[in-house]
Amino acid sequence: MANATLAVVLAVLVLVQVSCGVARHHHDPDPCGGDSVLLGHKGNGCSSPAVSAHGTRAVMTVNGFQKGEEGGDPSECDGKYHSDNDLIVALSTGWYAGGKRCHNKIRITSVQNGRTVEATVVDECDSRHGCKNNIVDTSKAVWKKLGHDTDIGEVPVTWSDA
């Protein structure tokens, strides 16, 4: 009797897990796999580490968001250019989540000195066109608030949704 009950419980658990996995990726506009951005995923040529509420490891790079700077085109979230004095960020494709994080704040913490800043997501760092999958691409103002020199080029950080 105990073996039969255990078999039924295991069968139900397997069915629940399979149905949740299917639901997680159904009809999502994110080209890199939808809600799996929050869980970690690989698919459609994109992969991003999981996003943790306690801070996800990333590499912070510097980007120009003003017209004519290395950032290139206007921001994906609003079609506008932004000042380098604004606390703004572009996230790798998976973390950008098809625009789901547009205009939301994220918390960025420097691994090197522990300083933290909140910045607003305004753009995608396109992982399908050269941006690595673990990038938090920020304005010069973010670097300044975190106490880093932009000439360094890359700094280890953690980030989370604010």
N, C-alpha and C. Protein backbone atom coordinates (compact mmCIF):
# COMPACT_ATOMS: atom_id res chain seq x y z
N MET A 1 0.82 -1.19 0.00
CA MET A 1 0.00 0.00 0.00
C MET A 1 0.87 1.26 0.00
N ALA A 2 1.93 1.28 0.82
CA ALA A 2 2.81 2.43 0.89
C ALA A 2 3.51 2.66 -0.44
N ASN A 3 3.92 1.59 -1.12
CA ASN A 3 4.58 1.73 -2.42
C ASN A 3 3.63 2.29 -3.47
N ALA A 4 2.38 1.89 -3.44
CA ALA A 4 1.39 2.38 -4.39
C ALA A 4 1.13 3.87 -4.15
N THR A 5 1.03 4.27 -2.90
CA THR A 5 0.80 5.67 -2.55
C THR A 5 2.00 6.52 -2.98
N LEU A 6 3.19 6.03 -2.73
CA LEU A 6 4.40 6.74 -3.13
C LEU A 6 4.45 6.90 -4.65
N ALA A 7 4.09 5.87 -5.39
CA ALA A 7 4.10 5.92 -6.85
C ALA A 7 3.12 6.97 -7.36
N VAL A 8 1.95 7.07 -6.75
CA VAL A 8 0.94 8.06 -7.16
C VAL A 8 1.46 9.48 -6.87
N VAL A 9 2.05 9.68 -5.70
CA VAL A 9 2.57 10.99 -5.34
C VAL A 9 3.67 11.42 -6.31
N LEU A 10 4.57 10.51 -6.64
CA LEU A 10 5.64 10.82 -7.59
C LEU A 10 5.09 11.15 -8.97
N ALA A 11 4.09 10.41 -9.41
CA ALA A 11 3.48 10.67 -10.72
C ALA A 11 2.85 12.06 -10.76
N VAL A 12 2.16 12.44 -9.69
CA VAL A 12 1.54 13.77 -9.62
C VAL A 12 2.61 14.86 -9.64
N LEU A 13 3.67 14.67 -8.89
CA LEU A 13 4.75 15.66 -8.87
C LEU A 13 5.38 15.84 -10.25
N VAL A 14 5.59 14.74 -10.97
CA VAL A 14 6.14 14.82 -12.32
C VAL A 14 5.20 15.59 -13.24
N LEU A 15 3.91 15.31 -13.17
CA LEU A 15 2.93 16.01 -14.01
C LEU A 15 2.90 17.50 -13.70
N VAL A 16 2.95 17.87 -12.43
CA VAL A 16 2.93 19.28 -12.05
C VAL A 16 4.17 19.97 -12.57
N GLN A 17 5.32 19.35 -12.43
CA GLN A 17 6.56 19.96 -12.89
C GLN A 17 6.56 20.14 -14.40
N VAL A 18 6.09 19.17 -15.14
CA VAL A 18 6.04 19.27 -16.60
C VAL A 18 5.09 20.37 -17.02
N SER A 19 3.91 20.44 -16.41
CA SER A 19 2.94 21.46 -16.81
C SER A 19 3.44 22.85 -16.46
N CYS A 20 4.16 23.03 -15.35
CA CYS A 20 4.72 24.33 -15.00
C CYS A 20 5.80 24.73 -16.00
N GLY A 21 6.61 23.80 -16.42
CA GLY A 21 7.65 24.08 -17.40
C GLY A 21 7.08 24.54 -18.72
N VAL A 22 5.98 23.94 -19.14
CA VAL A 22 5.33 24.32 -20.39
C VAL A 22 4.73 25.71 -20.25
N ALA A 23 4.04 25.97 -19.14
CA ALA A 23 3.40 27.26 -18.94
C ALA A 23 4.42 28.39 -18.88
N ARG A 24 5.58 28.13 -18.36
CA ARG A 24 6.60 29.15 -18.17
C ARG A 24 7.05 29.76 -19.49
N HIS A 25 6.98 29.03 -20.59
CA HIS A 25 7.50 29.53 -21.85
C HIS A 25 6.42 29.77 -22.90
N HIS A 26 5.18 29.84 -22.53
CA HIS A 26 4.09 29.93 -23.48
C HIS A 26 3.77 31.39 -23.84
N HIS A 27 3.75 31.72 -25.11
CA HIS A 27 3.36 33.02 -25.63
C HIS A 27 4.10 34.18 -24.99
N ASP A 28 5.39 34.12 -24.94
CA ASP A 28 6.15 35.19 -24.33
C ASP A 28 6.92 35.94 -25.41
N PRO A 29 6.87 37.29 -25.43
CA PRO A 29 7.55 38.04 -26.47
C PRO A 29 9.07 38.08 -26.33
N ASP A 30 9.61 37.65 -25.20
CA ASP A 30 11.05 37.68 -25.00
C ASP A 30 11.73 36.72 -25.97
N PRO A 31 12.60 37.20 -26.84
CA PRO A 31 13.26 36.33 -27.81
C PRO A 31 14.21 35.33 -27.17
N CYS A 32 14.48 35.50 -25.89
CA CYS A 32 15.41 34.60 -25.21
C CYS A 32 14.72 33.71 -24.20
N GLY A 33 13.43 33.52 -24.29
CA GLY A 33 12.80 32.49 -23.50
C GLY A 33 11.86 32.90 -22.40
N GLY A 34 11.42 34.13 -22.35
CA GLY A 34 10.36 34.50 -21.42
C GLY A 34 10.76 34.51 -19.97
N ASP A 35 9.86 33.99 -19.13
CA ASP A 35 10.06 34.03 -17.69
C ASP A 35 11.31 33.30 -17.26
N SER A 36 11.86 32.48 -18.12
CA SER A 36 13.08 31.77 -17.76
C SER A 36 14.21 32.74 -17.47
N VAL A 37 14.07 34.00 -17.90
CA VAL A 37 15.06 35.02 -17.57
C VAL A 37 15.22 35.09 -16.06
N LEU A 38 14.13 34.90 -15.36
CA LEU A 38 14.17 34.96 -13.91
C LEU A 38 14.75 33.69 -13.31
N LEU A 39 14.79 32.63 -14.09
CA LEU A 39 15.21 31.34 -13.57
C LEU A 39 16.54 30.88 -14.13
N GLY A 40 17.03 31.53 -15.14
CA GLY A 40 18.25 31.08 -15.84
C GLY A 40 17.81 30.25 -17.03
N HIS A 41 18.42 30.44 -18.20
CA HIS A 41 17.98 29.69 -19.37
C HIS A 41 19.06 29.68 -20.44
N LYS A 42 18.84 28.82 -21.40
CA LYS A 42 19.61 28.80 -22.64
C LYS A 42 18.62 28.46 -23.74
N GLY A 43 18.62 29.23 -24.79
CA GLY A 43 17.72 28.94 -25.89
C GLY A 43 17.71 30.06 -26.90
N ASN A 44 17.35 29.77 -28.13
CA ASN A 44 17.25 30.74 -29.21
C ASN A 44 18.53 31.56 -29.38
N GLY A 45 19.67 30.97 -29.09
CA GLY A 45 20.92 31.68 -29.24
C GLY A 45 21.25 32.63 -28.11
N CYS A 46 20.43 32.68 -27.09
CA CYS A 46 20.66 33.56 -25.96
C CYS A 46 20.83 32.73 -24.71
N SER A 47 21.62 33.22 -23.79
CA SER A 47 21.65 32.59 -22.48
C SER A 47 22.06 33.63 -21.47
N SER A 48 21.39 33.62 -20.34
CA SER A 48 21.72 34.55 -19.26
C SER A 48 21.65 33.81 -17.96
N PRO A 49 22.52 34.16 -17.05
CA PRO A 49 22.42 33.56 -15.72
C PRO A 49 21.11 33.96 -15.06
N ALA A 50 20.73 33.22 -14.07
CA ALA A 50 19.51 33.52 -13.33
C ALA A 50 19.63 34.86 -12.63
N VAL A 51 18.50 35.53 -12.44
CA VAL A 51 18.46 36.78 -11.70
C VAL A 51 18.05 36.46 -10.29
N SER A 52 18.85 36.86 -9.34
CA SER A 52 18.60 36.58 -7.93
C SER A 52 18.16 37.84 -7.21
N ALA A 53 17.22 37.72 -6.30
CA ALA A 53 16.78 38.86 -5.51
C ALA A 53 17.91 39.38 -4.63
N HIS A 54 18.91 38.56 -4.38
CA HIS A 54 20.02 38.95 -3.51
C HIS A 54 21.20 39.49 -4.30
N GLY A 55 21.11 39.52 -5.61
CA GLY A 55 22.20 40.04 -6.43
C GLY A 55 22.74 38.99 -7.37
N THR A 56 22.70 39.31 -8.64
CA THR A 56 23.19 38.43 -9.68
C THR A 56 24.53 38.96 -10.18
N ARG A 57 25.52 38.10 -10.28
CA ARG A 57 26.84 38.52 -10.74
C ARG A 57 26.77 38.96 -12.20
N ALA A 58 27.49 40.05 -12.50
CA ALA A 58 27.51 40.60 -13.85
C ALA A 58 28.80 41.38 -14.05
N VAL A 59 28.99 41.83 -15.27
CA VAL A 59 30.10 42.71 -15.61
C VAL A 59 29.50 44.05 -16.00
N MET A 60 29.92 45.11 -15.32
CA MET A 60 29.45 46.44 -15.66
C MET A 60 30.40 47.05 -16.68
N THR A 61 29.82 47.58 -17.75
CA THR A 61 30.57 48.29 -18.78
C THR A 61 30.01 49.70 -18.87
N VAL A 62 30.74 50.58 -19.52
CA VAL A 62 30.28 51.96 -19.67
C VAL A 62 29.74 52.17 -21.08
N ASN A 63 28.66 52.93 -21.18
CA ASN A 63 28.02 53.18 -22.46
C ASN A 63 27.65 54.66 -22.54
N GLY A 64 27.67 55.19 -23.75
CA GLY A 64 27.18 56.54 -23.99
C GLY A 64 25.76 56.47 -24.50
N PHE A 65 24.86 57.15 -23.84
CA PHE A 65 23.45 57.12 -24.22
C PHE A 65 23.03 58.40 -24.96
N GLN A 66 23.97 59.33 -25.15
CA GLN A 66 23.67 60.57 -25.85
C GLN A 66 23.86 60.37 -27.35
N LYS A 67 23.19 61.20 -28.13
CA LYS A 67 23.28 61.11 -29.59
C LYS A 67 24.74 61.27 -30.03
N GLY A 68 25.19 60.37 -30.91
CA GLY A 68 26.54 60.43 -31.46
C GLY A 68 27.58 59.67 -30.65
N GLU A 69 27.19 59.13 -29.50
CA GLU A 69 28.14 58.36 -28.68
C GLU A 69 28.10 56.89 -29.08
N GLU A 70 29.01 56.12 -28.46
CA GLU A 70 29.18 54.72 -28.82
C GLU A 70 27.92 53.88 -28.61
N GLY A 71 26.95 54.37 -27.85
CA GLY A 71 25.71 53.63 -27.64
C GLY A 71 24.89 53.45 -28.92
N GLY A 72 25.14 54.33 -29.89
CA GLY A 72 24.49 54.17 -31.19
C GLY A 72 23.11 54.76 -31.25
N ASP A 73 22.13 53.91 -31.41
CA ASP A 73 20.75 54.31 -31.66
C ASP A 73 20.07 54.79 -30.37
N PRO A 74 18.89 55.40 -30.55
CA PRO A 74 18.11 55.78 -29.37
C PRO A 74 17.77 54.53 -28.54
N SER A 75 17.45 54.73 -27.28
CA SER A 75 17.14 53.63 -26.37
C SER A 75 15.92 52.85 -26.80
N GLU A 76 15.95 51.54 -26.58
CA GLU A 76 14.86 50.64 -26.97
C GLU A 76 13.57 50.94 -26.22
N CYS A 77 13.66 51.31 -24.96
CA CYS A 77 12.45 51.47 -24.14
C CYS A 77 11.58 52.64 -24.55
N ASP A 78 12.21 53.73 -24.99
CA ASP A 78 11.41 54.92 -25.28
C ASP A 78 11.77 55.62 -26.59
N GLY A 79 12.75 55.08 -27.33
CA GLY A 79 13.13 55.67 -28.60
C GLY A 79 13.84 57.01 -28.46
N LYS A 80 14.38 57.31 -27.28
CA LYS A 80 15.03 58.60 -27.03
C LYS A 80 16.50 58.40 -26.66
N TYR A 81 17.26 59.48 -26.81
CA TYR A 81 18.62 59.53 -26.30
C TYR A 81 18.53 60.02 -24.85
N HIS A 82 19.54 59.71 -24.06
CA HIS A 82 19.54 60.11 -22.65
C HIS A 82 20.89 60.73 -22.29
N SER A 83 20.89 61.52 -21.25
CA SER A 83 22.11 62.17 -20.77
C SER A 83 23.00 61.18 -20.04
N ASP A 84 24.30 61.34 -20.21
CA ASP A 84 25.26 60.52 -19.48
C ASP A 84 25.24 60.85 -17.99
N ASN A 85 24.57 61.93 -17.61
CA ASN A 85 24.43 62.31 -16.20
C ASN A 85 23.27 61.61 -15.52
N ASP A 86 22.44 60.91 -16.31
CA ASP A 86 21.31 60.15 -15.75
C ASP A 86 21.79 58.79 -15.27
N LEU A 87 21.18 58.29 -14.21
CA LEU A 87 21.49 56.95 -13.70
C LEU A 87 20.68 55.95 -14.50
N ILE A 88 21.27 55.49 -15.61
CA ILE A 88 20.55 54.62 -16.55
C ILE A 88 21.40 53.43 -16.94
N VAL A 89 20.73 52.42 -17.50
CA VAL A 89 21.39 51.15 -17.79
C VAL A 89 20.74 50.46 -18.99
N ALA A 90 21.57 49.70 -19.71
CA ALA A 90 21.11 48.77 -20.74
C ALA A 90 21.50 47.37 -20.24
N LEU A 91 20.58 46.42 -20.32
CA LEU A 91 20.83 45.06 -19.86
C LEU A 91 20.99 44.11 -21.02
N SER A 92 21.81 43.07 -20.84
CA SER A 92 21.94 42.02 -21.84
C SER A 92 20.55 41.50 -22.21
N THR A 93 20.43 40.98 -23.41
CA THR A 93 19.14 40.58 -23.98
C THR A 93 18.29 39.73 -23.03
N GLY A 94 18.86 38.70 -22.44
CA GLY A 94 18.07 37.84 -21.56
C GLY A 94 17.52 38.58 -20.36
N TRP A 95 18.34 39.41 -19.75
CA TRP A 95 17.90 40.18 -18.57
C TRP A 95 16.95 41.31 -18.96
N TYR A 96 17.10 41.85 -20.16
CA TYR A 96 16.21 42.90 -20.67
C TYR A 96 14.79 42.35 -20.80
N ALA A 97 14.71 41.06 -21.04
CA ALA A 97 13.43 40.33 -21.02
C ALA A 97 12.40 40.89 -22.00
N GLY A 98 12.84 41.16 -23.22
CA GLY A 98 11.90 41.64 -24.23
C GLY A 98 11.25 42.96 -23.87
N GLY A 99 11.91 43.74 -23.03
CA GLY A 99 11.38 45.04 -22.62
C GLY A 99 10.62 45.03 -21.31
N LYS A 100 10.48 43.88 -20.69
CA LYS A 100 9.73 43.79 -19.43
C LYS A 100 10.34 44.62 -18.31
N ARG A 101 11.63 44.89 -18.39
CA ARG A 101 12.28 45.69 -17.34
C ARG A 101 12.37 47.18 -17.72
N CYS A 102 11.85 47.57 -18.87
CA CYS A 102 11.89 48.96 -19.28
C CYS A 102 11.32 49.87 -18.20
N HIS A 103 12.05 50.93 -17.93
CA HIS A 103 11.68 51.98 -16.97
C HIS A 103 11.65 51.50 -15.52
N ASN A 104 12.04 50.25 -15.27
CA ASN A 104 12.15 49.75 -13.89
C ASN A 104 13.53 50.07 -13.37
N LYS A 105 13.62 50.19 -12.07
CA LYS A 105 14.92 50.43 -11.43
C LYS A 105 15.56 49.10 -11.06
N ILE A 106 16.88 49.06 -11.19
CA ILE A 106 17.65 47.92 -10.70
C ILE A 106 18.68 48.46 -9.71
N ARG A 107 19.09 47.61 -8.80
CA ARG A 107 20.11 47.96 -7.81
C ARG A 107 21.43 47.33 -8.24
N ILE A 108 22.47 48.15 -8.40
CA ILE A 108 23.79 47.68 -8.83
C ILE A 108 24.76 47.89 -7.68
N THR A 109 25.51 46.84 -7.36
CA THR A 109 26.49 46.91 -6.27
C THR A 109 27.86 46.54 -6.81
N SER A 110 28.84 47.39 -6.53
CA SER A 110 30.22 47.11 -6.92
C SER A 110 30.77 45.99 -6.04
N VAL A 111 31.31 44.95 -6.66
CA VAL A 111 31.93 43.86 -5.92
C VAL A 111 33.21 44.37 -5.24
N GLN A 112 33.87 45.32 -5.88
CA GLN A 112 35.16 45.81 -5.38
C GLN A 112 35.06 46.67 -4.13
N ASN A 113 34.05 47.55 -4.06
CA ASN A 113 34.00 48.47 -2.92
C ASN A 113 32.68 48.43 -2.13
N GLY A 114 31.71 47.65 -2.59
CA GLY A 114 30.44 47.51 -1.87
C GLY A 114 29.45 48.65 -2.04
N ARG A 115 29.82 49.69 -2.78
CA ARG A 115 28.89 50.80 -3.02
C ARG A 115 27.72 50.32 -3.88
N THR A 116 26.55 50.92 -3.64
CA THR A 116 25.34 50.55 -4.36
C THR A 116 24.66 51.78 -4.94
N VAL A 117 24.03 51.59 -6.10
CA VAL A 117 23.27 52.66 -6.74
C VAL A 117 22.05 52.04 -7.42
N GLU A 118 20.98 52.82 -7.53
CA GLU A 118 19.82 52.38 -8.31
C GLU A 118 19.82 53.13 -9.63
N ALA A 119 19.56 52.40 -10.71
CA ALA A 119 19.54 52.98 -12.06
C ALA A 119 18.31 52.46 -12.79
N THR A 120 17.86 53.22 -13.77
CA THR A 120 16.67 52.88 -14.54
C THR A 120 17.04 52.19 -15.84
N VAL A 121 16.36 51.09 -16.15
CA VAL A 121 16.59 50.36 -17.41
C VAL A 121 15.94 51.15 -18.55
N VAL A 122 16.75 51.52 -19.54
CA VAL A 122 16.23 52.25 -20.69
C VAL A 122 16.57 51.58 -22.02
N ASP A 123 17.40 50.53 -21.98
CA ASP A 123 17.87 49.98 -23.24
C ASP A 123 18.29 48.52 -23.10
N GLU A 124 18.46 47.88 -24.24
CA GLU A 124 18.95 46.51 -24.33
C GLU A 124 20.37 46.52 -24.84
N CYS A 125 21.22 45.72 -24.25
CA CYS A 125 22.56 45.45 -24.78
C CYS A 125 22.41 44.13 -25.54
N ASP A 126 22.25 44.21 -26.84
CA ASP A 126 21.80 43.09 -27.67
C ASP A 126 22.81 41.94 -27.72
N SER A 127 22.50 40.87 -27.03
CA SER A 127 23.37 39.69 -26.97
C SER A 127 23.42 38.93 -28.29
N ARG A 128 22.51 39.21 -29.19
CA ARG A 128 22.53 38.56 -30.50
C ARG A 128 23.44 39.30 -31.47
N HIS A 129 23.93 40.48 -31.05
CA HIS A 129 24.78 41.29 -31.92
C HIS A 129 26.01 41.80 -31.17
N GLY A 130 26.66 40.93 -30.42
CA GLY A 130 27.95 41.27 -29.85
C GLY A 130 28.02 41.52 -28.35
N CYS A 131 26.92 41.83 -27.72
CA CYS A 131 26.94 42.06 -26.28
C CYS A 131 26.96 40.71 -25.57
N LYS A 132 27.86 40.57 -24.60
CA LYS A 132 27.89 39.32 -23.84
C LYS A 132 26.60 39.16 -23.05
N ASN A 133 26.36 37.97 -22.55
CA ASN A 133 25.10 37.65 -21.86
C ASN A 133 25.06 38.07 -20.39
N ASN A 134 26.13 38.65 -19.88
CA ASN A 134 26.17 39.00 -18.46
C ASN A 134 26.52 40.46 -18.25
N ILE A 135 26.03 41.33 -19.13
CA ILE A 135 26.43 42.74 -19.11
C ILE A 135 25.36 43.65 -18.52
N VAL A 136 25.81 44.55 -17.65
CA VAL A 136 25.04 45.68 -17.16
C VAL A 136 25.79 46.89 -17.71
N ASP A 137 25.27 47.45 -18.79
CA ASP A 137 25.93 48.52 -19.55
C ASP A 137 25.37 49.85 -19.05
N THR A 138 26.19 50.66 -18.38
CA THR A 138 25.65 51.81 -17.66
C THR A 138 26.20 53.15 -18.15
N SER A 139 25.51 54.19 -17.75
CA SER A 139 25.97 55.56 -18.02
C SER A 139 27.16 55.90 -17.14
N LYS A 140 27.86 56.95 -17.51
CA LYS A 140 29.01 57.42 -16.73
C LYS A 140 28.58 57.82 -15.32
N ALA A 141 27.35 58.31 -15.17
CA ALA A 141 26.86 58.72 -13.85
C ALA A 141 26.82 57.54 -12.87
N VAL A 142 26.47 56.35 -13.37
CA VAL A 142 26.45 55.16 -12.51
C VAL A 142 27.87 54.84 -12.04
N TRP A 143 28.82 54.90 -12.97
CA TRP A 143 30.22 54.65 -12.61
C TRP A 143 30.68 55.63 -11.53
N LYS A 144 30.32 56.90 -11.70
CA LYS A 144 30.72 57.93 -10.74
C LYS A 144 30.14 57.64 -9.35
N LYS A 145 28.84 57.32 -9.30
CA LYS A 145 28.18 57.02 -8.02
C LYS A 145 28.80 55.81 -7.34
N LEU A 146 29.26 54.85 -8.12
CA LEU A 146 29.89 53.66 -7.55
C LEU A 146 31.37 53.86 -7.24
N GLY A 147 31.90 55.04 -7.59
CA GLY A 147 33.28 55.35 -7.27
C GLY A 147 34.31 54.69 -8.18
N HIS A 148 33.93 54.47 -9.44
CA HIS A 148 34.84 53.84 -10.39
C HIS A 148 35.19 54.78 -11.53
N ASP A 149 36.38 54.62 -12.06
CA ASP A 149 36.87 55.37 -13.21
C ASP A 149 36.41 54.64 -14.48
N THR A 150 35.77 55.36 -15.38
CA THR A 150 35.25 54.73 -16.60
C THR A 150 36.36 54.20 -17.50
N ASP A 151 37.58 54.66 -17.32
CA ASP A 151 38.70 54.17 -18.13
C ASP A 151 39.03 52.71 -17.85
N ILE A 152 38.56 52.19 -16.71
CA ILE A 152 38.81 50.77 -16.37
C ILE A 152 38.17 49.86 -17.41
N GLY A 153 36.98 50.24 -17.88
CA GLY A 153 36.31 49.49 -18.93
C GLY A 153 35.32 48.45 -18.46
N GLU A 154 35.71 47.62 -17.50
CA GLU A 154 34.81 46.58 -16.97
C GLU A 154 35.03 46.45 -15.46
N VAL A 155 33.93 46.29 -14.73
CA VAL A 155 33.99 46.13 -13.28
C VAL A 155 33.01 45.03 -12.88
N PRO A 156 33.42 44.12 -11.99
CA PRO A 156 32.46 43.11 -11.51
C PRO A 156 31.45 43.75 -10.57
N VAL A 157 30.18 43.42 -10.80
CA VAL A 157 29.08 43.93 -9.98
C VAL A 157 28.08 42.81 -9.72
N THR A 158 27.17 43.09 -8.83
CA THR A 158 25.96 42.28 -8.72
C THR A 158 24.80 43.23 -8.95
N TRP A 159 23.67 42.69 -9.39
CA TRP A 159 22.50 43.53 -9.60
C TRP A 159 21.25 42.75 -9.26
N SER A 160 20.19 43.48 -8.95
CA SER A 160 18.88 42.88 -8.70
C SER A 160 17.81 43.90 -9.04
N ASP A 161 16.60 43.44 -9.21
CA ASP A 161 15.50 44.37 -9.39
C ASP A 161 15.32 45.15 -8.10
N ALA A 162 15.13 46.46 -8.22
CA ALA A 162 15.00 47.30 -7.02
C ALA A 162 13.57 47.35 -6.52
